[in-house]
Structures are given as structure tokens and as C-alpha cells.
């Protein structure tokens, strides 16, 4: 028979809690980095699209009408 002072303890140890916290932190960092990379890639794609639109406008429209390129893009 087990005495009241010798009852089995249930719960998590400090080490187990620290391991879970470390794994959660590492996963959070990885997710943040990936989201940041996706955001950067999306912004780059939008910039490339805008540059291609300007290139098309200069080559196909402006140059065809004026037979010269503009001296500035202001």
C-alpha cells in the first residue's frame, strides 16, 4: 500500500517543458522566415511586372510614335 506522502506525481518536468518551448520557438522562426521570403518574392514579381510594362510602353508605343526615346522618365 502506498502512503499519502508517497503518491505518484503526474505532470511535466521542467526539461520536458523547455524542450517543447524550444521546438515551438524553432518552428515559429522557420515559419516567419518562410513568410518573409514569400513576401519578398511577391514584391520582386510585382516590380518585374511593372518594369516589363514600362519597357513595352517605351518600345511599342512611345518609340513607334516618336522615333526616339524620351530623354527622361519624369
Protein backbone atom coordinates (compact mmCIF):
# COMPACT_ATOMS: atom_id res chain seq x y z
CA UNK A 1 0.00 0.00 0.00
CA UNK A 2 1.25 3.49 -0.88
CA UNK A 3 1.23 6.12 1.81
CA UNK A 4 -0.24 9.56 1.10
CA UNK A 5 3.19 11.20 1.13
CA UNK A 6 4.48 8.73 -1.48
CA UNK A 7 1.73 9.20 -4.09
CA UNK A 8 2.91 9.11 -7.71
CA UNK A 9 3.27 12.58 -9.19
CA UNK A 10 1.84 13.40 -12.56
CA UNK A 11 2.72 16.30 -14.80
CA UNK A 12 5.61 17.53 -16.89
CA UNK A 13 9.18 18.09 -15.83
CA UNK A 14 10.95 21.37 -16.41
CA UNK A 15 13.14 19.70 -19.05
CA UNK A 16 10.11 18.49 -21.00
CA UNK A 17 8.57 21.96 -20.93
CA UNK A 18 11.84 23.54 -22.09
CA UNK A 19 12.12 21.06 -24.97
CA UNK A 20 8.56 21.80 -26.09
CA UNK A 21 9.21 25.55 -25.83
CA UNK A 22 12.43 25.24 -27.86
CA UNK A 23 10.74 23.20 -30.59
CA UNK A 24 7.87 25.67 -30.75
CA UNK A 25 10.28 28.59 -30.96
CA UNK A 26 12.27 26.93 -33.74
CA UNK A 27 9.10 26.20 -35.71
CA UNK A 28 7.94 29.79 -35.28
CA UNK A 29 11.25 31.15 -36.55
CA UNK A 30 11.11 28.88 -39.61
CA UNK A 31 7.54 29.96 -40.40
CA UNK A 32 8.47 33.63 -40.03
CA UNK A 33 11.46 33.26 -42.35
CA UNK A 34 9.41 31.45 -44.97
CA UNK A 35 6.61 34.04 -44.87
CA UNK A 36 9.21 36.79 -45.21
CA UNK A 37 10.79 35.03 -48.22
CA UNK A 38 7.40 34.63 -49.91
CA UNK A 39 6.62 38.31 -49.33
CA UNK A 40 9.96 39.36 -50.83
CA UNK A 41 9.44 37.10 -53.85
CA UNK A 42 5.96 38.54 -54.40
CA UNK A 43 7.27 42.11 -54.23
CA UNK A 44 10.02 41.25 -56.72
CA UNK A 45 7.46 39.74 -59.08
CA UNK A 46 5.36 42.93 -58.92
CA UNK A 47 8.44 45.06 -59.65
CA UNK A 48 9.39 42.90 -62.64
CA UNK A 49 5.86 43.18 -64.00
CA UNK A 50 5.98 46.98 -63.68
CA UNK A 51 9.38 47.15 -65.40
CA UNK A 52 8.14 44.95 -68.24
CA UNK A 53 5.09 47.20 -68.65
CA UNK A 54 7.32 50.29 -68.86
CA UNK A 55 9.60 48.55 -71.35
CA UNK A 56 6.64 47.60 -73.52
CA UNK A 57 5.23 51.13 -73.37
CA UNK A 58 8.56 52.64 -74.40
CA UNK A 59 9.31 50.16 -77.18
CA UNK A 60 5.92 49.52 -78.69
CA UNK A 61 4.13 52.81 -78.14
CA UNK A 62 6.43 55.77 -77.50
CA UNK A 63 9.23 54.79 -79.86
CA UNK A 64 6.81 53.85 -82.63
CA UNK A 65 5.10 57.24 -82.42
CA UNK A 66 8.15 59.48 -81.86
CA UNK A 67 11.01 57.52 -83.49
CA UNK A 68 13.13 58.33 -80.44
CA UNK A 69 13.30 57.54 -76.77
CA UNK A 70 12.45 60.13 -74.09
CA UNK A 71 15.39 62.00 -72.57
CA UNK A 72 13.99 61.43 -69.06
CA UNK A 73 11.25 59.39 -67.45
CA UNK A 74 9.93 62.10 -65.15
